[in-house]
Structures are given as C-alpha cells and as structure tokens.
C-alpha cells in the first residue's frame, strides 16, 4: 500500500511542527470547548479532537481546534486535514463535513478510509459536547 504524496506531506509536517498544526489540547471543562474522542479497535487508531467556539450572531463559530491522534500516518494526516477544514466554520458547517471530503483531499487509499471516518466521527462528538454545554 502506498500513501499519497498529500498524506506523507501532511503527516511529516505535523510531526515536524506539531504546534503549527494544532497538536495539543484545551481544558475540556471550559464552556467554550467541545471534545470528541473516537477509536477504531481494529487498527488501534485513537483520535481526540477539541473545538473552541465563540458566539457570532445566531450561531457559533469555531475559532480554534486542537487534536491528538495515536495511530498511523493516515489517521494523523486525516486529523490535521480536518483541523484546516474546521477553523472559521460555523457549528452547522462543521456538522456537514463528511469523511469522503477528507479522503478525497488526502487521496487516501481504500484500506485507510476508516481514518477519515474517525475524523468525521470526532467532529460530531466534539460538536455534540460543545452544544451540551451551551
């Protein structure tokens, strides 16, 4: 199985400069933070995604994102790609992000599609957690 150039670049850039690629964490108790954590027992990947939001008019906007992912290069690249997709989006826009968008952006091989599914599931959980706090 060969990783696409996009996966390799995203993975290596994230490893070489984690802070610039939003690796880290927020305090999950903060009212403006939503946390989602998902795992894929079959392959051992675990993804934790946190969104930091602010009210804007009748909606809420994602102003920052952090993640920690334990797993393969595709899982880390999928998390990093998701971060780029989320910053500046409204909660409603974030809910509409689908794994296929991440998979296409990274040209994930079919055997690694589950990594993009983890990313989609993590944003759903993070949004749900944030909305519960509001």
Protein backbone atom coordinates (compact mmCIF):
# COMPACT_ATOMS: atom_id res chain seq x y z
CA UNK A 1 0.00 0.00 0.00
CA UNK A 2 1.37 3.37 -0.98
CA UNK A 3 0.43 6.59 0.75
CA UNK A 4 -0.31 9.56 -1.46
CA UNK A 5 2.12 12.47 -1.52
CA UNK A 6 -0.53 14.53 0.29
CA UNK A 7 -0.74 12.07 3.19
CA UNK A 8 3.04 11.87 3.52
CA UNK A 9 3.45 15.68 3.47
CA UNK A 10 0.63 16.29 5.95
CA UNK A 11 1.94 13.57 8.27
CA UNK A 12 5.57 14.74 8.14
CA UNK A 13 4.69 18.42 8.51
CA UNK A 14 2.53 17.65 11.54
CA UNK A 15 5.27 15.56 13.17
CA UNK A 16 7.96 18.16 12.46
CA UNK A 17 5.97 21.15 13.71
CA UNK A 18 3.14 19.93 15.94
CA UNK A 19 2.20 23.31 17.42
CA UNK A 20 1.79 24.88 13.99
CA UNK A 21 -0.50 22.02 13.00
CA UNK A 22 -2.67 22.34 16.14
CA UNK A 23 -1.48 19.29 18.05
CA UNK A 24 -2.31 19.86 21.70
CA UNK A 25 -5.27 20.25 23.99
CA UNK A 26 -7.68 22.70 25.57
CA UNK A 27 -9.18 22.36 29.03
CA UNK A 28 -12.19 20.11 28.36
CA UNK A 29 -14.07 21.74 31.26
CA UNK A 30 -14.14 25.15 29.55
CA UNK A 31 -17.65 26.08 28.42
CA UNK A 32 -16.39 27.21 25.00
CA UNK A 33 -14.65 23.86 24.29
CA UNK A 34 -16.18 20.73 22.79
CA UNK A 35 -14.29 17.43 22.91
CA UNK A 36 -14.71 14.33 20.80
CA UNK A 37 -12.72 11.15 21.20
CA UNK A 38 -13.11 8.15 18.94
CA UNK A 39 -11.22 4.96 18.30
CA UNK A 40 -11.01 2.12 15.84
CA UNK A 41 -10.31 -1.07 17.77
CA UNK A 42 -9.50 -3.00 14.59
CA UNK A 43 -6.42 -0.91 13.86
CA UNK A 44 -5.68 0.81 17.17
CA UNK A 45 -6.15 4.40 15.96
CA UNK A 46 -7.48 6.87 18.55
CA UNK A 47 -8.39 10.44 17.71
CA UNK A 48 -9.16 13.24 20.16
CA UNK A 49 -10.45 16.47 18.66
CA UNK A 50 -11.29 19.66 20.53
CA UNK A 51 -13.01 22.73 19.15
CA UNK A 52 -13.04 26.16 20.76
CA UNK A 53 -16.06 28.21 19.72
CA UNK A 54 -17.46 31.69 20.10
CA UNK A 55 -20.98 33.02 19.59
CA UNK A 56 -21.47 35.06 16.44
CA UNK A 57 -24.97 36.35 15.81
CA UNK A 58 -27.39 33.44 15.91
CA UNK A 59 -24.68 30.82 15.52
CA UNK A 60 -21.35 29.73 16.94
CA UNK A 61 -18.06 29.82 15.06
CA UNK A 62 -15.06 27.53 15.55
CA UNK A 63 -12.19 29.85 16.35
CA UNK A 64 -9.54 27.24 17.20
CA UNK A 65 -9.01 23.49 17.10
CA UNK A 66 -6.59 21.07 18.77
CA UNK A 67 -6.09 17.37 18.25
CA UNK A 68 -4.11 14.40 19.46
CA UNK A 69 -4.09 11.27 17.38
CA UNK A 70 -2.43 7.97 18.10
CA UNK A 71 -2.19 5.82 15.04
CA UNK A 72 -0.92 5.50 11.53
CA UNK A 73 0.15 8.25 9.16
CA UNK A 74 -3.28 8.35 7.53
CA UNK A 75 -5.01 8.88 10.87
CA UNK A 76 -2.69 11.76 11.78
CA UNK A 77 -2.99 13.27 8.30
CA UNK A 78 -6.80 12.98 8.46
CA UNK A 79 -6.85 14.79 11.81
CA UNK A 80 -4.62 17.54 10.50
CA UNK A 81 -6.73 17.93 7.35
CA UNK A 82 -9.88 18.15 9.45
CA UNK A 83 -8.36 20.97 11.54
CA UNK A 84 -7.83 23.02 8.39
CA UNK A 85 -11.42 22.38 7.34
CA UNK A 86 -12.87 23.46 10.69
CA UNK A 87 -11.27 26.77 11.65
CA UNK A 88 -13.63 29.64 10.87
CA UNK A 89 -16.60 27.37 10.17
CA UNK A 90 -19.93 27.61 11.96
CA UNK A 91 -21.11 24.66 14.03
CA UNK A 92 -23.66 23.86 11.32
CA UNK A 93 -20.97 23.87 8.62
CA UNK A 94 -18.77 21.63 10.76
CA UNK A 95 -21.60 19.12 11.14
CA UNK A 96 -21.84 18.82 7.37
CA UNK A 97 -18.19 17.77 6.85
CA UNK A 98 -18.12 14.19 5.61
CA UNK A 99 -15.33 11.65 5.67
CA UNK A 100 -15.31 11.44 1.88
CA UNK A 101 -14.17 15.10 1.70
CA UNK A 102 -11.16 14.27 3.88
CA UNK A 103 -10.44 11.05 1.98
CA UNK A 104 -10.53 12.87 -1.37
CA UNK A 105 -8.40 15.78 -0.15
CA UNK A 106 -5.70 13.36 1.03
CA UNK A 107 -6.17 10.75 -1.70
CA UNK A 108 -6.43 8.08 0.98
CA UNK A 109 -6.04 4.50 -0.21
CA UNK A 110 -9.25 2.45 0.20
CA UNK A 111 -7.77 0.45 3.07
CA UNK A 112 -7.32 3.71 5.04
CA UNK A 113 -10.79 5.22 4.56
CA UNK A 114 -11.58 4.32 8.19
CA UNK A 115 -9.15 7.11 9.22
CA UNK A 116 -11.34 9.72 7.55
CA UNK A 117 -14.40 8.14 9.19
CA UNK A 118 -12.72 8.61 12.58
CA UNK A 119 -12.19 12.28 11.74
CA UNK A 120 -15.87 12.74 10.82
CA UNK A 121 -16.98 10.94 13.98
CA UNK A 122 -14.67 13.06 16.16
CA UNK A 123 -16.16 16.33 14.92
CA UNK A 124 -19.68 15.02 15.52
CA UNK A 125 -18.76 14.18 19.12
CA UNK A 126 -16.95 17.48 19.69
CA UNK A 127 -19.92 19.49 18.38
CA UNK A 128 -22.33 17.45 20.50
CA UNK A 129 -20.19 18.04 23.59
CA UNK A 130 -19.99 21.78 22.87
CA UNK A 131 -23.74 22.08 22.27
CA UNK A 132 -24.48 20.22 25.52
CA UNK A 133 -22.51 22.89 27.41
CA UNK A 134 -24.46 25.77 25.89
